[in-house]
């Protein structure tokens, strides 16, 4: 899922690639000593996702600029702990759950630039971003009646069918196996399908990962809202599996987004659809915005939400929501 809808990155770093040296004439030098003058840093402020709080409030860690888009940039920190990837975005970009939203336009940043994250600051290239506010990528939905969920699923299916937006993967095969495993409450089937979907598909955020992200958000949030205990139980097991496997199964950007999804955190467009499902806002405009996200990311996320909603309804029917055994 890119930060600029239907846009390709200006550049993306290749593994092990080194930033190109700047031409000699472009370097600012003192007329008397010939020493390079330090470049003045651009001072900015931003609002950070609470998913980034552990990284931003810890000691500063080195990072590098991984990818640059017209409306944002991805920074990858060094070290094993998540969230490893931090996204700097303007107010016009998709608000990902690992984003710092800037109060000003994106400063000049190039792929391969040195960066750092921590001590309440993000530095990249010649810019310093100080965190002034926090926002929650996983708001509570409250309680919801089963009838509302049934109506929302029917309407969401209609919106998807008439939108003309398709998923990046064939919805049969592993996606169908994943949906069936969730609706039947089978942990083994669900995890087996999830392991096959991780990293499946092209791009910075493969379609299989986006499907899993939407599913995780729906199972957890809608499961709690409907008091479907087994749906939340299933989300917990699925989240643990995804968080463990993602760093070695998919791209760094997608691994961080899956880490966020495992904690119930998602992009603003997906959260808006969940709010629409429970009646806190209009569903159709929210679904249309999500479906338009990226090339197929929005459709993939929506598929996951629909699968999660179907599972919540199935698992809350006739007491099926109670946790009894691992099957």
Protein backbone atom coordinates (compact mmCIF):
# COMPACT_ATOMS: atom_id res chain seq x y z
CA UNK A 1 0.00 0.00 0.00
CA UNK A 2 1.70 3.21 -1.08
CA UNK A 3 1.22 6.55 0.59
CA UNK A 4 0.16 8.16 -2.71
CA UNK A 5 -2.91 6.61 -4.34
CA UNK A 6 -2.14 4.96 -7.70
CA UNK A 7 1.34 6.37 -7.76
CA UNK A 8 4.66 4.66 -8.19
CA UNK A 9 7.64 5.52 -5.98
CA UNK A 10 10.12 8.08 -7.18
CA UNK A 11 12.82 5.58 -6.28
CA UNK A 12 13.07 2.47 -4.14
CA UNK A 13 16.32 1.33 -2.60
CA UNK A 14 17.75 -1.94 -3.80
CA UNK A 15 19.06 -4.33 -1.14
CA UNK A 16 22.62 -3.33 -0.28
CA UNK A 17 22.51 -0.28 -2.55
CA UNK A 18 24.57 2.76 -1.55
CA UNK A 19 23.41 6.35 -2.14
CA UNK A 20 25.10 8.05 -5.09
CA UNK A 21 27.74 10.62 -4.30
CA UNK A 22 26.75 14.20 -5.00
CA UNK A 23 28.68 16.09 -7.71
CA UNK A 24 31.61 18.10 -6.39
CA UNK A 25 30.11 21.34 -7.65
CA UNK A 26 26.95 20.79 -5.64
CA UNK A 27 28.79 20.78 -2.32
CA UNK A 28 28.84 24.03 -0.40
CA UNK A 29 32.39 24.98 0.66
CA UNK A 30 33.96 27.80 2.59
CA UNK A 31 35.82 30.32 0.42
CA UNK A 32 38.67 30.51 2.96
CA UNK A 33 39.17 27.00 4.29
CA UNK A 34 37.60 24.83 1.58
CA UNK A 35 35.77 22.80 4.26
CA UNK A 36 32.23 21.62 3.56
CA UNK A 37 29.62 23.78 5.26
CA UNK A 38 26.97 21.89 7.26
CA UNK A 39 23.61 22.01 5.53
CA UNK A 40 20.92 23.85 7.48
CA UNK A 41 18.24 21.42 8.64
CA UNK A 42 14.56 21.94 7.86
CA UNK A 43 12.57 21.98 11.11
CA UNK A 44 9.08 20.42 10.94
CA UNK A 45 6.42 19.17 13.33
CA UNK A 46 4.14 16.18 12.96
CA UNK A 47 1.37 14.05 14.49
CA UNK A 48 2.43 10.44 15.00
CA UNK A 49 0.42 7.22 15.17
CA UNK A 50 0.38 5.65 18.63
CA UNK A 51 1.66 2.48 16.94
CA UNK A 52 5.00 4.31 16.64
CA UNK A 53 5.19 5.33 20.29
CA UNK A 54 7.63 2.54 21.31
CA UNK A 55 10.04 3.51 18.52
CA UNK A 56 9.71 7.28 18.91
CA UNK A 57 9.98 7.36 22.69
CA UNK A 58 12.98 5.03 22.88
CA UNK A 59 16.61 5.97 22.32
CA UNK A 60 17.45 7.18 18.86
CA UNK A 61 18.08 4.40 16.32
CA UNK A 62 19.81 4.81 12.95
CA UNK A 63 17.69 4.35 9.83
CA UNK A 64 17.76 4.86 6.09
CA UNK A 65 15.26 6.14 3.54
CA UNK A 66 13.78 3.05 1.90
CA UNK A 67 11.35 4.54 -0.64
CA UNK A 68 10.09 7.99 -1.67
CA UNK A 69 6.67 8.88 -3.10
CA UNK A 70 5.19 12.25 -4.08
CA UNK A 71 3.20 12.40 -0.83
CA UNK A 72 5.49 10.56 1.59
CA UNK A 73 8.59 8.53 2.36
CA UNK A 74 9.36 5.25 4.12
CA UNK A 75 12.22 5.02 6.63
CA UNK A 76 13.58 1.65 7.77
CA UNK A 77 15.19 1.56 11.19
CA UNK A 78 18.03 -0.81 12.03
CA UNK A 79 17.28 -3.53 14.53
CA UNK A 80 14.82 -6.41 14.89
CA UNK A 81 12.04 -4.77 16.89
CA UNK A 82 8.84 -3.54 15.26
CA UNK A 83 7.70 -1.11 14.07
CA UNK A 84 10.81 -1.10 11.87
CA UNK A 85 9.37 1.10 9.11
CA UNK A 86 8.18 4.65 9.77
CA UNK A 87 6.22 6.54 7.13
CA UNK A 88 6.43 10.34 6.78
CA UNK A 89 3.35 11.64 4.94
CA UNK A 90 1.63 14.89 4.09
CA UNK A 91 -1.96 15.54 5.09
CA UNK A 92 -3.13 14.55 1.59
CA UNK A 93 -1.67 11.04 1.73
CA UNK A 94 -3.16 7.81 3.04
CA UNK A 95 -2.81 7.82 6.82
CA UNK A 96 -1.15 4.46 7.40
CA UNK A 97 -1.00 3.06 10.95
CA UNK A 98 2.78 3.62 11.02
CA UNK A 99 2.61 7.21 9.78
CA UNK A 100 3.83 10.56 11.02
CA UNK A 101 1.59 13.20 9.44
CA UNK A 102 3.56 16.34 8.64
CA UNK A 103 2.23 19.83 9.17
CA UNK A 104 4.05 21.02 6.03
CA UNK A 105 4.85 19.63 2.56
CA UNK A 106 7.31 16.76 2.34
CA UNK A 107 10.89 18.10 2.44
CA UNK A 108 13.48 16.99 -0.13
CA UNK A 109 14.38 13.38 0.76
CA UNK A 110 16.18 10.86 -1.40
CA UNK A 111 16.31 7.07 -1.30
CA UNK A 112 19.41 5.99 0.60
CA UNK A 113 19.60 9.14 2.77
CA UNK A 114 20.72 8.51 6.33
CA UNK A 115 17.99 8.90 8.93
CA UNK A 116 17.20 8.28 12.59
CA UNK A 117 14.13 7.61 14.75
CA UNK A 118 13.79 8.13 18.50
CA UNK A 119 13.86 10.64 21.36
CA UNK A 120 10.62 12.12 19.98
CA UNK A 121 12.24 13.03 16.67
CA UNK A 122 12.47 11.67 13.13
CA UNK A 123 15.41 12.85 11.02
CA UNK A 124 15.75 12.12 7.32
CA UNK A 125 18.03 13.80 4.81
CA UNK A 126 18.15 17.45 5.80
CA UNK A 127 14.85 17.45 7.75
CA UNK A 128 14.07 17.12 11.46
CA UNK A 129 10.49 16.26 12.43
CA UNK A 130 9.47 16.78 16.07
CA UNK A 131 6.39 14.92 17.31
CA UNK A 132 3.83 17.31 18.81
CA UNK A 133 0.65 15.20 18.82
CA UNK A 134 -0.48 11.56 18.73
CA UNK A 135 -3.42 9.91 16.98
CA UNK A 136 -5.02 6.47 17.48
CA UNK A 137 -5.07 4.05 14.51
CA UNK A 138 -7.42 1.67 16.35
CA UNK A 139 -10.45 3.48 17.80
CA UNK A 140 -13.07 1.57 19.80
CA UNK A 141 -16.31 0.77 17.97
CA UNK A 142 -18.62 0.11 20.92
CA UNK A 143 -21.33 -2.58 20.90
CA UNK A 144 -23.33 -3.57 17.81
CA UNK A 145 -26.39 -5.73 17.19
CA UNK A 146 -26.24 -8.74 14.90
CA UNK A 147 -28.94 -7.30 12.62
CA UNK A 148 -26.76 -4.28 11.91
CA UNK A 149 -23.83 -6.50 10.92
CA UNK A 150 -26.01 -8.58 8.61
CA UNK A 151 -27.31 -5.45 6.85
CA UNK A 152 -23.80 -4.03 6.55
CA UNK A 153 -22.40 -7.23 5.03
CA UNK A 154 -25.13 -7.32 2.40
CA UNK A 155 -24.56 -3.65 1.53
CA UNK A 156 -20.77 -4.00 1.48
CA UNK A 157 -21.01 -6.97 -0.88
CA UNK A 158 -23.21 -4.90 -3.21
CA UNK A 159 -20.79 -1.98 -3.18
CA UNK A 160 -17.85 -4.24 -4.03
CA UNK A 161 -19.72 -5.99 -6.86
CA UNK A 162 -20.60 -2.70 -8.57
CA UNK A 163 -17.30 -0.89 -7.93
CA UNK A 164 -15.31 -2.54 -10.70
CA UNK A 165 -12.35 -2.88 -8.35
CA UNK A 166 -10.81 -6.33 -8.10
CA UNK A 167 -8.35 -7.93 -5.70
CA UNK A 168 -4.75 -8.58 -6.69
CA UNK A 169 -5.17 -12.34 -6.17
CA UNK A 170 -7.74 -14.87 -7.33
CA UNK A 171 -10.26 -15.03 -4.50
CA UNK A 172 -10.30 -18.80 -4.77
CA UNK A 173 -7.44 -20.94 -3.50
CA UNK A 174 -5.73 -19.67 -0.36
CA UNK A 175 -8.04 -16.64 0.17
CA UNK A 176 -11.09 -18.92 0.00
CA UNK A 177 -9.39 -21.38 2.36
CA UNK A 178 -8.65 -18.54 4.79
CA UNK A 179 -12.24 -17.26 4.72
CA UNK A 180 -13.63 -20.77 5.23
CA UNK A 181 -11.26 -21.45 8.11
CA UNK A 182 -12.30 -18.27 9.88
CA UNK A 183 -16.04 -18.78 9.37
CA UNK A 184 -15.83 -22.35 10.66
CA UNK A 185 -13.63 -21.32 13.59
CA UNK A 186 -10.90 -23.77 12.55
CA UNK A 187 -7.56 -22.51 13.84
CA UNK A 188 -5.50 -25.04 11.88
CA UNK A 189 -7.18 -24.21 8.54
CA UNK A 190 -6.91 -20.48 9.20
CA UNK A 191 -3.23 -20.53 10.09
CA UNK A 192 -2.31 -22.85 7.22
CA UNK A 193 -3.94 -20.50 4.70
CA UNK A 194 -2.46 -17.39 6.33
CA UNK A 195 1.06 -18.79 6.08
CA UNK A 196 0.57 -19.35 2.36
CA UNK A 197 -0.80 -15.84 1.79
CA UNK A 198 1.97 -13.92 3.57
CA UNK A 199 4.13 -12.18 0.99
CA UNK A 200 2.01 -13.49 -1.90
CA UNK A 201 1.70 -11.01 -4.75
CA UNK A 202 3.80 -8.17 -6.20
CA UNK A 203 4.58 -4.72 -4.83
CA UNK A 204 5.70 -3.11 -1.59
CA UNK A 205 2.61 -4.51 0.13
CA UNK A 206 1.63 -7.82 -1.53
CA UNK A 207 -2.07 -8.55 -1.94
CA UNK A 208 -1.97 -11.50 0.44
CA UNK A 209 -0.65 -9.24 3.20
CA UNK A 210 -3.35 -6.61 2.59
CA UNK A 211 -6.03 -9.32 2.75
CA UNK A 212 -4.63 -10.51 6.08
CA UNK A 213 -4.48 -6.95 7.41
CA UNK A 214 -8.15 -6.31 6.65
CA UNK A 215 -9.15 -9.68 8.10
CA UNK A 216 -7.23 -9.10 11.34
CA UNK A 217 -8.79 -5.67 11.86
CA UNK A 218 -12.31 -6.96 11.23
CA UNK A 219 -12.01 -10.08 13.40
CA UNK A 220 -10.68 -8.12 16.35
CA UNK A 221 -12.78 -4.96 16.23
CA UNK A 222 -16.07 -6.40 14.97
CA UNK A 223 -15.62 -9.52 17.11
CA UNK A 224 -15.38 -7.37 20.22
CA UNK A 225 -18.28 -5.16 19.10
CA UNK A 226 -20.50 -8.22 18.56
CA UNK A 227 -19.23 -10.06 21.65
CA UNK A 228 -18.07 -12.93 19.42
CA UNK A 229 -15.49 -14.44 21.73
CA UNK A 230 -14.22 -17.06 19.30
CA UNK A 231 -13.63 -14.44 16.59
CA UNK A 232 -11.40 -12.45 18.95
CA UNK A 233 -9.67 -15.67 20.04
CA UNK A 234 -9.02 -16.51 16.40
CA UNK A 235 -7.68 -12.99 15.81
CA UNK A 236 -5.25 -13.41 18.71
CA UNK A 237 -3.81 -16.65 17.32
CA UNK A 238 -3.67 -15.31 13.77
CA UNK A 239 -2.00 -12.10 14.97
CA UNK A 240 0.69 -14.06 16.82
CA UNK A 241 1.44 -16.16 13.74
CA UNK A 242 1.55 -13.19 11.38
CA UNK A 243 3.74 -11.09 13.69
CA UNK A 244 6.21 -13.96 14.07
CA UNK A 245 6.46 -14.93 10.40
CA UNK A 246 6.11 -11.59 8.58
CA UNK A 247 9.71 -10.31 9.01
CA UNK A 248 11.06 -13.26 7.00
CA UNK A 249 8.11 -13.77 4.62
CA UNK A 250 7.42 -10.36 3.10
CA UNK A 251 8.82 -6.86 2.47
CA UNK A 252 9.93 -4.64 5.41
CA UNK A 253 7.11 -2.17 4.72
CA UNK A 254 4.46 -4.88 4.63
CA UNK A 255 5.90 -6.63 7.69
CA UNK A 256 5.42 -3.45 9.73
CA UNK A 257 1.86 -2.99 8.44
CA UNK A 258 1.08 -6.61 9.39
CA UNK A 259 2.58 -5.96 12.83
CA UNK A 260 0.19 -3.03 13.19
CA UNK A 261 -2.76 -5.11 11.94
CA UNK A 262 -1.90 -7.79 14.50
CA UNK A 263 -2.43 -5.11 17.16
CA UNK A 264 -5.75 -4.03 15.61
CA UNK A 265 -4.27 -0.96 13.92
CA UNK A 266 -5.09 -0.04 10.34
CA UNK A 267 -5.15 2.84 7.88
CA UNK A 268 -7.77 5.56 8.30
CA UNK A 269 -9.78 4.37 5.27
CA UNK A 270 -10.12 0.82 6.66
CA UNK A 271 -11.09 2.09 10.12
CA UNK A 272 -13.75 4.28 8.47
CA UNK A 273 -15.29 1.18 6.83
CA UNK A 274 -15.37 -0.61 10.20
CA UNK A 275 -17.09 2.42 11.70
CA UNK A 276 -19.57 2.39 8.82
CA UNK A 277 -20.32 -1.29 9.42
CA UNK A 278 -21.37 -0.65 13.02
CA UNK A 279 -23.33 2.50 12.11
CA UNK A 280 -21.02 5.21 13.43
CA UNK A 281 -20.76 6.80 9.98
CA UNK A 282 -22.04 6.26 6.45
CA UNK A 283 -20.78 2.97 5.03
CA UNK A 284 -20.95 3.56 1.27
CA UNK A 285 -18.68 6.64 1.01
CA UNK A 286 -16.15 5.00 3.36
CA UNK A 287 -16.14 1.79 1.31
CA UNK A 288 -15.74 3.68 -1.96
CA UNK A 289 -12.73 5.56 -0.58
CA UNK A 290 -11.10 2.36 0.61
CA UNK A 291 -11.72 0.55 -2.69
CA UNK A 292 -9.96 3.37 -4.58
CA UNK A 293 -6.83 3.06 -2.45
CA UNK A 294 -3.72 2.10 -4.42
CA UNK A 295 -3.73 -0.27 -7.37
CA UNK A 296 -5.38 -3.21 -5.57
CA UNK A 297 -4.55 -2.54 -1.89
CA UNK A 298 -7.96 -1.05 -1.15
CA UNK A 299 -9.81 -3.96 -2.76
CA UNK A 300 -7.58 -6.44 -0.92
CA UNK A 301 -8.19 -4.76 2.43
CA UNK A 302 -11.93 -4.66 1.73
CA UNK A 303 -11.89 -8.38 0.91
CA UNK A 304 -10.28 -9.03 4.29
CA UNK A 305 -12.87 -6.91 6.09
CA UNK A 306 -15.72 -8.73 4.34
CA UNK A 307 -14.18 -12.12 5.23
CA UNK A 308 -13.76 -11.02 8.84
CA UNK A 309 -17.32 -9.70 9.05
CA UNK A 310 -18.68 -12.96 7.60
CA UNK A 311 -16.66 -14.92 10.18
CA UNK A 312 -17.92 -12.79 13.08
CA UNK A 313 -21.51 -13.44 12.01
CA UNK A 314 -20.86 -17.17 11.61
CA UNK A 315 -19.07 -17.49 14.94
CA UNK A 316 -21.65 -15.48 16.88
CA UNK A 317 -24.53 -17.65 15.62
CA UNK A 318 -26.09 -20.15 18.05
CA UNK A 319 -23.34 -19.83 20.62
CA UNK A 320 -20.55 -20.60 18.16
CA UNK A 321 -18.69 -17.56 19.44
CA UNK A 322 -17.70 -19.30 22.66
CA UNK A 323 -14.18 -20.67 22.82
CA UNK A 324 -14.24 -24.42 23.37
CA UNK A 325 -11.27 -26.08 21.68
CA UNK A 326 -8.54 -25.74 19.10
CA UNK A 327 -9.84 -27.27 15.87
